[in-house]
Amino acid sequence: MTIQTRLAAPGVRGLTPGYLENLALLERLHRLLLDVIKDEFERVALLEINPVQALLLFNIGDNEVTAGELKSRGYYQGSNVSYNLKKLVELGYMHHQRSEIDRRSVRVRLTDKGRKVRLLLAELFARHAEGLAARNLIDPDGMEAMNTALRRVERYWTDQIRYIY
């Protein structure tokens, strides 16, 4: 069966164009978010870390985690998270400590320097939310509806990975 035949199948036809557009938007939005963070870092002359590393700091927050926990939560790929955690420790944005129980496991948490980056991103995201509201681009109900739909897609994809149909 060709791709065109599969995409034109009854029941698929109505949803497929929107789904494909969603996929393209998700990819573009992620790249744009990284560009927005990069621009903010250039504005404040924070050039030693990249946007992916900054999001890692933001997502860790006040938690103490292992690389495996970050990977299992679905935030990051294994090799990418290990590399970025190592760089963030070297640059002083994170503390690391070997587990007393499993010496192979390393737990990380933000330093004061890392918390400053997290606060910078939190302020940036708050300004974005205020800007969206001020321009009436989306209201809280619309944002919640979008989040609900995205969580459903996330759950569906997770089920696909785990072979639950």
Protein backbone atom coordinates (compact mmCIF):
# COMPACT_ATOMS: atom_id res chain seq x y z
CA MET A 1 0.00 0.00 0.00
CA THR A 2 1.44 3.39 -1.00
CA ILE A 3 1.69 6.32 1.39
CA GLN A 4 -0.93 8.22 -0.62
CA THR A 5 -3.34 5.25 -0.51
CA ARG A 6 -2.81 4.84 3.22
CA LEU A 7 -3.34 8.55 3.95
CA ALA A 8 -6.49 8.61 1.80
CA ALA A 9 -8.13 5.66 3.60
CA PRO A 10 -11.63 6.29 5.02
CA GLY A 11 -11.43 7.57 8.58
CA VAL A 12 -7.85 8.71 8.05
CA ARG A 13 -8.59 11.23 5.32
CA GLY A 14 -10.26 13.78 7.60
CA LEU A 15 -7.62 13.78 10.32
CA THR A 16 -4.43 13.29 8.32
CA PRO A 17 -3.93 16.82 6.93
CA GLY A 18 -4.36 18.39 10.35
CA TYR A 19 -2.15 15.76 12.00
CA LEU A 20 0.64 16.35 9.47
CA GLU A 21 0.34 20.10 10.02
CA ASN A 22 0.53 19.54 13.80
CA LEU A 23 3.73 17.52 13.36
CA ALA A 24 5.31 20.27 11.28
CA LEU A 25 4.20 22.93 13.78
CA LEU A 26 5.62 20.99 16.73
CA GLU A 27 8.98 20.73 15.00
CA ARG A 28 9.01 24.42 14.05
CA LEU A 29 7.85 25.55 17.49
CA HIS A 30 10.61 23.60 19.19
CA ARG A 31 13.25 25.14 16.93
CA LEU A 32 11.73 28.59 17.42
CA LEU A 33 11.74 28.16 21.20
CA LEU A 34 15.45 27.37 21.06
CA ASP A 35 16.00 30.48 18.89
CA VAL A 36 14.00 32.64 21.31
CA ILE A 37 16.11 31.40 24.22
CA LYS A 38 19.31 31.95 22.22
CA ASP A 39 18.24 35.53 21.44
CA GLU A 40 17.47 36.19 25.11
CA PHE A 41 20.87 34.82 26.11
CA GLU A 42 22.58 37.05 23.56
CA ARG A 43 20.61 40.04 24.92
CA VAL A 44 21.88 39.39 28.46
CA ALA A 45 25.36 38.24 27.29
CA LEU A 46 24.97 34.67 28.57
CA LEU A 47 26.93 32.80 25.93
CA GLU A 48 28.56 29.84 27.68
CA ILE A 49 25.53 27.53 27.58
CA ASN A 50 23.14 26.69 24.79
CA PRO A 51 19.32 26.73 24.79
CA VAL A 52 19.05 22.95 25.20
CA GLN A 53 21.23 23.13 28.31
CA ALA A 54 19.15 26.04 29.61
CA LEU A 55 15.92 24.05 29.17
CA LEU A 56 17.57 21.18 31.02
CA LEU A 57 18.23 23.53 33.95
CA PHE A 58 14.68 24.85 33.77
CA ASN A 59 13.15 21.36 33.74
CA ILE A 60 15.27 20.07 36.62
CA GLY A 61 14.26 23.03 38.75
CA ASP A 62 14.53 22.38 42.48
CA ASN A 63 14.79 18.61 42.03
CA GLU A 64 17.79 16.36 42.51
CA VAL A 65 17.82 13.83 39.67
CA THR A 66 19.90 11.32 37.74
CA ALA A 67 20.44 11.31 33.99
CA GLY A 68 18.40 8.12 33.87
CA GLU A 69 15.45 9.84 35.53
CA LEU A 70 15.54 12.65 32.98
CA LYS A 71 15.67 10.12 30.16
CA SER A 72 12.85 7.99 31.61
CA ARG A 73 10.64 11.08 31.99
CA GLY A 74 10.98 11.45 28.25
CA TYR A 75 12.68 14.85 28.32
CA TYR A 76 16.02 13.90 26.78
CA GLN A 77 17.93 11.27 24.83
CA GLY A 78 20.50 9.31 26.85
CA SER A 79 23.73 10.46 25.22
CA ASN A 80 22.53 14.05 24.90
CA VAL A 81 21.53 14.33 28.54
CA SER A 82 24.82 12.83 29.76
CA TYR A 83 26.88 15.21 27.63
CA ASN A 84 24.85 18.27 28.64
CA LEU A 85 24.86 17.39 32.34
CA LYS A 86 28.64 16.95 32.22
CA LYS A 87 29.06 20.37 30.55
CA LEU A 88 26.71 22.05 33.05
CA VAL A 89 28.67 20.57 35.96
CA GLU A 90 31.99 21.68 34.41
CA LEU A 91 30.63 25.22 33.94
CA GLY A 92 29.32 25.42 37.50
CA TYR A 93 25.58 25.37 36.77
CA MET A 94 25.05 22.04 38.52
CA HIS A 95 26.39 20.07 41.47
CA HIS A 96 26.89 16.35 41.07
CA GLN A 97 27.27 13.66 43.69
CA ARG A 98 27.77 9.91 43.39
CA SER A 99 25.08 7.81 44.98
CA GLU A 100 26.16 6.10 48.20
CA ILE A 101 24.15 3.01 47.23
CA ASP A 102 25.04 2.70 43.52
CA ARG A 103 28.42 4.30 42.80
CA ARG A 104 27.65 4.26 39.05
CA SER A 105 24.72 6.61 39.58
CA VAL A 106 25.28 10.36 39.83
CA ARG A 107 22.65 12.73 41.22
CA VAL A 108 22.63 16.34 40.02
CA ARG A 109 21.02 19.55 41.26
CA LEU A 110 21.27 23.20 40.30
CA THR A 111 23.84 25.53 41.81
CA ASP A 112 23.04 29.18 42.49
CA LYS A 113 24.39 29.90 39.00
CA GLY A 114 22.02 27.30 37.53
CA ARG A 115 19.06 28.70 39.49
CA LYS A 116 19.79 32.15 38.02
CA VAL A 117 19.45 30.72 34.50
CA ARG A 118 16.24 28.97 35.52
CA LEU A 119 14.89 32.27 36.86
CA LEU A 120 15.89 34.04 33.64
CA LEU A 121 13.87 31.49 31.63
CA ALA A 122 10.93 31.66 34.04
CA GLU A 123 10.84 35.45 33.59
CA LEU A 124 11.10 35.08 29.80
CA PHE A 125 8.23 32.59 29.72
CA ALA A 126 6.12 34.80 32.02
CA ARG A 127 6.67 37.74 29.63
CA HIS A 128 5.57 35.51 26.74
CA ALA A 129 2.40 34.49 28.59
CA GLU A 130 1.65 38.15 29.37
CA GLY A 131 2.24 39.08 25.72
CA LEU A 132 -0.08 36.35 24.46
CA ALA A 133 -2.78 37.51 26.87
CA ALA A 134 -2.28 41.22 26.12
CA ARG A 135 -2.68 40.60 22.39
CA ASN A 136 -5.68 38.31 22.95
CA LEU A 137 -3.91 35.56 21.01
CA ILE A 138 -5.10 32.86 23.39
CA ASP A 139 -7.08 32.80 26.62
CA PRO A 140 -6.65 30.41 29.56
CA ASP A 141 -9.41 28.10 28.29
CA GLY A 142 -7.82 27.91 24.84
CA MET A 143 -4.41 27.21 26.39
CA GLU A 144 -5.90 24.42 28.53
CA ALA A 145 -7.68 22.92 25.51
CA MET A 146 -4.40 22.94 23.57
CA ASN A 147 -2.55 21.33 26.50
CA THR A 148 -5.25 18.67 26.83
CA ALA A 149 -5.00 17.82 23.13
CA LEU A 150 -1.19 17.69 23.27
CA ARG A 151 -1.28 15.43 26.35
CA ARG A 152 -3.59 13.07 24.45
CA VAL A 153 -1.17 12.92 21.52
CA GLU A 154 1.71 12.37 23.97
CA ARG A 155 -0.16 9.51 25.62
CA TYR A 156 -0.98 7.99 22.20
CA TRP A 157 2.66 8.18 21.10
CA THR A 158 3.82 6.70 24.41
CA ASP A 159 1.38 3.83 23.92
CA GLN A 160 2.75 3.29 20.41
CA ILE A 161 6.27 2.99 21.79
CA ARG A 162 5.09 0.51 24.39
CA TYR A 163 3.03 -1.41 21.79
CA ILE A 164 -0.26 -0.82 23.58
CA TYR A 165 -3.04 -0.47 21.05
